[in-house]
Amino acid sequence: LQLNKPRAEPTFSLPIYVSTDNATWHTGPLVRVRFHTPPEVHSIEPSWCPLIGGRIVSIKGRYFPKSPKLSCRFSDVLPLMPATQVSSSELHCRCPSVIRILPEMPQPVHHVVKVSVTD
């Protein structure tokens, strides 16, 4: 299970400084590093979808960010599916159809679901 994420709560930024002699430090007014707690996925229900797709799965975890661009990825060869944020600890995604990629799938078919939260 993989989550690619934009900002997650809590988030904060700090300035970054660079030195060439460990004595003199330089930075700029817009030079900052953003720190955040990455999203965590704890469960997915139901744990299966029909080959034609369409089923809504509930992804539960924590630190899901508020973003209009949340999405789920069920494999590297299927399109991103839009996610609906229920709360900071739950997302809903609709399973895509896998019928178009069945000839490419090794038998027996076993999948690892990748859930992406993209910005």
C-alpha atoms as a PDB file:
ATOM      1  CA  LEU A   1       0.000   0.000   0.000  1.00  0.00           C
ATOM      2  CA  GLN A   2       1.500   3.305  -1.061  1.00  0.00           C
ATOM      3  CA  LEU A   3       0.463   6.826  -0.244  1.00  0.00           C
ATOM      4  CA  ASN A   4       1.850   9.758  -2.186  1.00  0.00           C
ATOM      5  CA  LYS A   5       0.866  12.796  -0.272  1.00  0.00           C
ATOM      6  CA  PRO A   6       0.623  16.550  -0.269  1.00  0.00           C
ATOM      7  CA  ARG A   7       0.748  18.391   3.036  1.00  0.00           C
ATOM      8  CA  ALA A   8      -0.508  16.396   6.002  1.00  0.00           C
ATOM      9  CA  GLU A   9      -1.287  17.624   9.484  1.00  0.00           C
ATOM     10  CA  PRO A  10       0.626  18.691  11.472  1.00  0.00           C
ATOM     11  CA  THR A  11       2.693  20.783   9.045  1.00  0.00           C
ATOM     12  CA  PHE A  12       5.283  23.461   9.675  1.00  0.00           C
ATOM     13  CA  SER A  13       8.287  24.956   7.901  1.00  0.00           C
ATOM     14  CA  LEU A  14      11.715  26.116   9.028  1.00  0.00           C
ATOM     15  CA  PRO A  15      14.383  28.191   7.315  1.00  0.00           C
ATOM     16  CA  ILE A  16      17.393  26.356   5.909  1.00  0.00           C
ATOM     17  CA  TYR A  17      20.910  27.772   6.195  1.00  0.00           C
ATOM     18  CA  VAL A  18      24.017  26.898   4.155  1.00  0.00           C
ATOM     19  CA  SER A  19      27.650  27.345   5.146  1.00  0.00           C
ATOM     20  CA  THR A  20      30.946  26.877   3.341  1.00  0.00           C
ATOM     21  CA  ASP A  21      33.046  27.124   6.507  1.00  0.00           C
ATOM     22  CA  ASN A  22      30.756  26.046   9.379  1.00  0.00           C
ATOM     23  CA  ALA A  23      31.056  29.570  10.793  1.00  0.00           C
ATOM     24  CA  THR A  24      29.163  31.844   8.393  1.00  0.00           C
ATOM     25  CA  TRP A  25      25.608  30.834   7.522  1.00  0.00           C
ATOM     26  CA  HIS A  26      23.476  32.096   4.609  1.00  0.00           C
ATOM     27  CA  THR A  27      19.787  31.841   3.752  1.00  0.00           C
ATOM     28  CA  GLY A  28      17.150  33.712   1.779  1.00  0.00           C
ATOM     29  CA  PRO A  29      13.721  35.076   2.739  1.00  0.00           C
ATOM     30  CA  LEU A  30      11.879  32.342   0.782  1.00  0.00           C
ATOM     31  CA  VAL A  31      14.222  29.437   1.560  1.00  0.00           C
ATOM     32  CA  ARG A  32      12.322  27.092   3.877  1.00  0.00           C
ATOM     33  CA  VAL A  33      11.899  23.360   4.348  1.00  0.00           C
ATOM     34  CA  ARG A  34       8.401  22.008   4.974  1.00  0.00           C
ATOM     35  CA  PHE A  35       7.993  19.208   7.516  1.00  0.00           C
ATOM     36  CA  HIS A  36       4.855  17.116   7.830  1.00  0.00           C
ATOM     37  CA  THR A  37       3.512  13.906   9.263  1.00  0.00           C
ATOM     38  CA  PRO A  38       2.984  11.490   6.361  1.00  0.00           C
ATOM     39  CA  PRO A  39      -0.455   9.907   5.939  1.00  0.00           C
ATOM     40  CA  GLU A  40      -0.851   6.405   7.344  1.00  0.00           C
ATOM     41  CA  VAL A  41      -3.191   3.738   5.967  1.00  0.00           C
ATOM     42  CA  HIS A  42      -4.510   1.253   8.532  1.00  0.00           C
ATOM     43  CA  SER A  43      -7.237  -0.613   6.640  1.00  0.00           C
ATOM     44  CA  ILE A  44      -9.223  -0.906   3.413  1.00  0.00           C
ATOM     45  CA  GLU A  45     -12.780  -2.242   3.339  1.00  0.00           C
ATOM     46  CA  PRO A  46     -13.956  -4.155   1.461  1.00  0.00           C
ATOM     47  CA  SER A  47     -10.693  -5.832   0.536  1.00  0.00           C
ATOM     48  CA  TRP A  48     -11.857  -6.897  -2.948  1.00  0.00           C
ATOM     49  CA  CYS A  49     -13.566  -5.367  -5.985  1.00  0.00           C
ATOM     50  CA  PRO A  50     -15.353  -6.928  -8.964  1.00  0.00           C
ATOM     51  CA  LEU A  51     -13.370  -7.079 -12.226  1.00  0.00           C
ATOM     52  CA  ILE A  52     -15.709  -4.493 -13.774  1.00  0.00           C
ATOM     53  CA  GLY A  53     -14.911  -2.061 -10.924  1.00  0.00           C
ATOM     54  CA  GLY A  54     -17.358   0.441  -9.516  1.00  0.00           C
ATOM     55  CA  ARG A  55     -17.270  -0.622  -5.866  1.00  0.00           C
ATOM     56  CA  ILE A  56     -16.491   2.089  -3.324  1.00  0.00           C
ATOM     57  CA  VAL A  57     -13.765   1.162  -0.860  1.00  0.00           C
ATOM     58  CA  SER A  58     -13.196   2.880   2.461  1.00  0.00           C
ATOM     59  CA  ILE A  59      -9.565   3.631   3.311  1.00  0.00           C
ATOM     60  CA  LYS A  60      -9.024   4.255   7.015  1.00  0.00           C
ATOM     61  CA  GLY A  61      -5.928   5.703   8.621  1.00  0.00           C
ATOM     62  CA  ARG A  62      -4.766   9.071   9.886  1.00  0.00           C
ATOM     63  CA  TYR A  63      -3.210  12.346   8.756  1.00  0.00           C
ATOM     64  CA  PHE A  64      -5.112  12.440   5.454  1.00  0.00           C
ATOM     65  CA  PRO A  65      -4.717  16.041   4.264  1.00  0.00           C
ATOM     66  CA  LYS A  66      -7.503  18.316   3.098  1.00  0.00           C
ATOM     67  CA  SER A  67      -6.982  18.526  -0.650  1.00  0.00           C
ATOM     68  CA  PRO A  68      -9.256  18.712  -3.709  1.00  0.00           C
ATOM     69  CA  LYS A  69      -6.743  16.462  -5.515  1.00  0.00           C
ATOM     70  CA  LEU A  70      -6.967  13.319  -3.367  1.00  0.00           C
ATOM     71  CA  SER A  71      -6.831  10.134  -5.427  1.00  0.00           C
ATOM     72  CA  CYS A  72      -6.341   6.371  -5.226  1.00  0.00           C
ATOM     73  CA  ARG A  73      -4.147   4.264  -7.480  1.00  0.00           C
ATOM     74  CA  PHE A  74      -4.991   0.578  -7.632  1.00  0.00           C
ATOM     75  CA  SER A  75      -1.966  -0.358  -9.758  1.00  0.00           C
ATOM     76  CA  ASP A  76       0.691   1.238 -11.933  1.00  0.00           C
ATOM     77  CA  VAL A  77      -1.270   0.467 -15.128  1.00  0.00           C
ATOM     78  CA  LEU A  78      -4.707   1.747 -14.097  1.00  0.00           C
ATOM     79  CA  PRO A  79      -5.751   5.401 -14.005  1.00  0.00           C
ATOM     80  CA  LEU A  80      -5.893   7.430 -10.818  1.00  0.00           C
ATOM     81  CA  MET A  81      -9.339   7.340  -9.250  1.00  0.00           C
ATOM     82  CA  PRO A  82     -10.674  10.443  -7.460  1.00  0.00           C
ATOM     83  CA  ALA A  83     -10.991  10.102  -3.693  1.00  0.00           C
ATOM     84  CA  THR A  84     -13.607  11.648  -1.449  1.00  0.00           C
ATOM     85  CA  GLN A  85     -12.427  12.724   1.978  1.00  0.00           C
ATOM     86  CA  VAL A  86     -14.843  11.669   4.693  1.00  0.00           C
ATOM     87  CA  SER A  87     -12.558  12.906   7.488  1.00  0.00           C
ATOM     88  CA  SER A  88      -8.852  13.264   8.318  1.00  0.00           C
ATOM     89  CA  SER A  89      -8.925   9.510   8.994  1.00  0.00           C
ATOM     90  CA  GLU A  90     -11.124   8.162   6.160  1.00  0.00           C
ATOM     91  CA  LEU A  91     -11.207   8.340   2.349  1.00  0.00           C
ATOM     92  CA  HIS A  92     -13.560   6.729  -0.170  1.00  0.00           C
ATOM     93  CA  CYS A  93     -12.402   5.593  -3.629  1.00  0.00           C
ATOM     94  CA  ARG A  94     -14.215   3.801  -6.432  1.00  0.00           C
ATOM     95  CA  CYS A  95     -12.457   0.697  -7.808  1.00  0.00           C
ATOM     96  CA  PRO A  96     -11.566   0.949 -11.511  1.00  0.00           C
ATOM     97  CA  SER A  97     -12.329  -1.776 -14.038  1.00  0.00           C
ATOM     98  CA  VAL A  98      -9.418  -4.191 -14.568  1.00  0.00           C
ATOM     99  CA  ILE A  99     -10.944  -5.907 -17.617  1.00  0.00           C
ATOM    100  CA  ARG A 100      -8.734  -4.019 -20.117  1.00  0.00           C
ATOM    101  CA  ILE A 101      -5.526  -5.220 -18.418  1.00  0.00           C
ATOM    102  CA  LEU A 102      -6.510  -8.866 -17.802  1.00  0.00           C
ATOM    103  CA  PRO A 103      -4.481 -10.213 -20.779  1.00  0.00           C
ATOM    104  CA  GLU A 104      -1.390  -8.558 -19.251  1.00  0.00           C
ATOM    105  CA  MET A 105      -1.960 -10.068 -15.790  1.00  0.00           C
ATOM    106  CA  PRO A 106       0.018 -13.158 -14.771  1.00  0.00           C
ATOM    107  CA  GLN A 107      -2.099 -16.085 -13.557  1.00  0.00           C
ATOM    108  CA  PRO A 108      -3.170 -16.443 -10.797  1.00  0.00           C
ATOM    109  CA  VAL A 109      -4.105 -12.790 -10.311  1.00  0.00           C
ATOM    110  CA  HIS A 110      -2.846 -11.261  -7.059  1.00  0.00           C
ATOM    111  CA  HIS A 111      -2.767  -7.498  -6.537  1.00  0.00           C
ATOM    112  CA  VAL A 112      -1.275  -5.069  -4.096  1.00  0.00           C
ATOM    113  CA  VAL A 113      -3.454  -1.982  -3.933  1.00  0.00           C
ATOM    114  CA  LYS A 114      -1.615   1.338  -4.015  1.00  0.00           C
ATOM    115  CA  VAL A 115      -3.510   4.271  -2.604  1.00  0.00           C
ATOM    116  CA  SER A 116      -2.184   7.652  -3.685  1.00  0.00           C
ATOM    117  CA  VAL A 117      -2.953  11.007  -2.201  1.00  0.00           C
ATOM    118  CA  THR A 118      -1.559  13.453  -4.724  1.00  0.00           C
ATOM    119  CA  ASP A 119      -1.228  17.203  -4.743  1.00  0.00           C
END
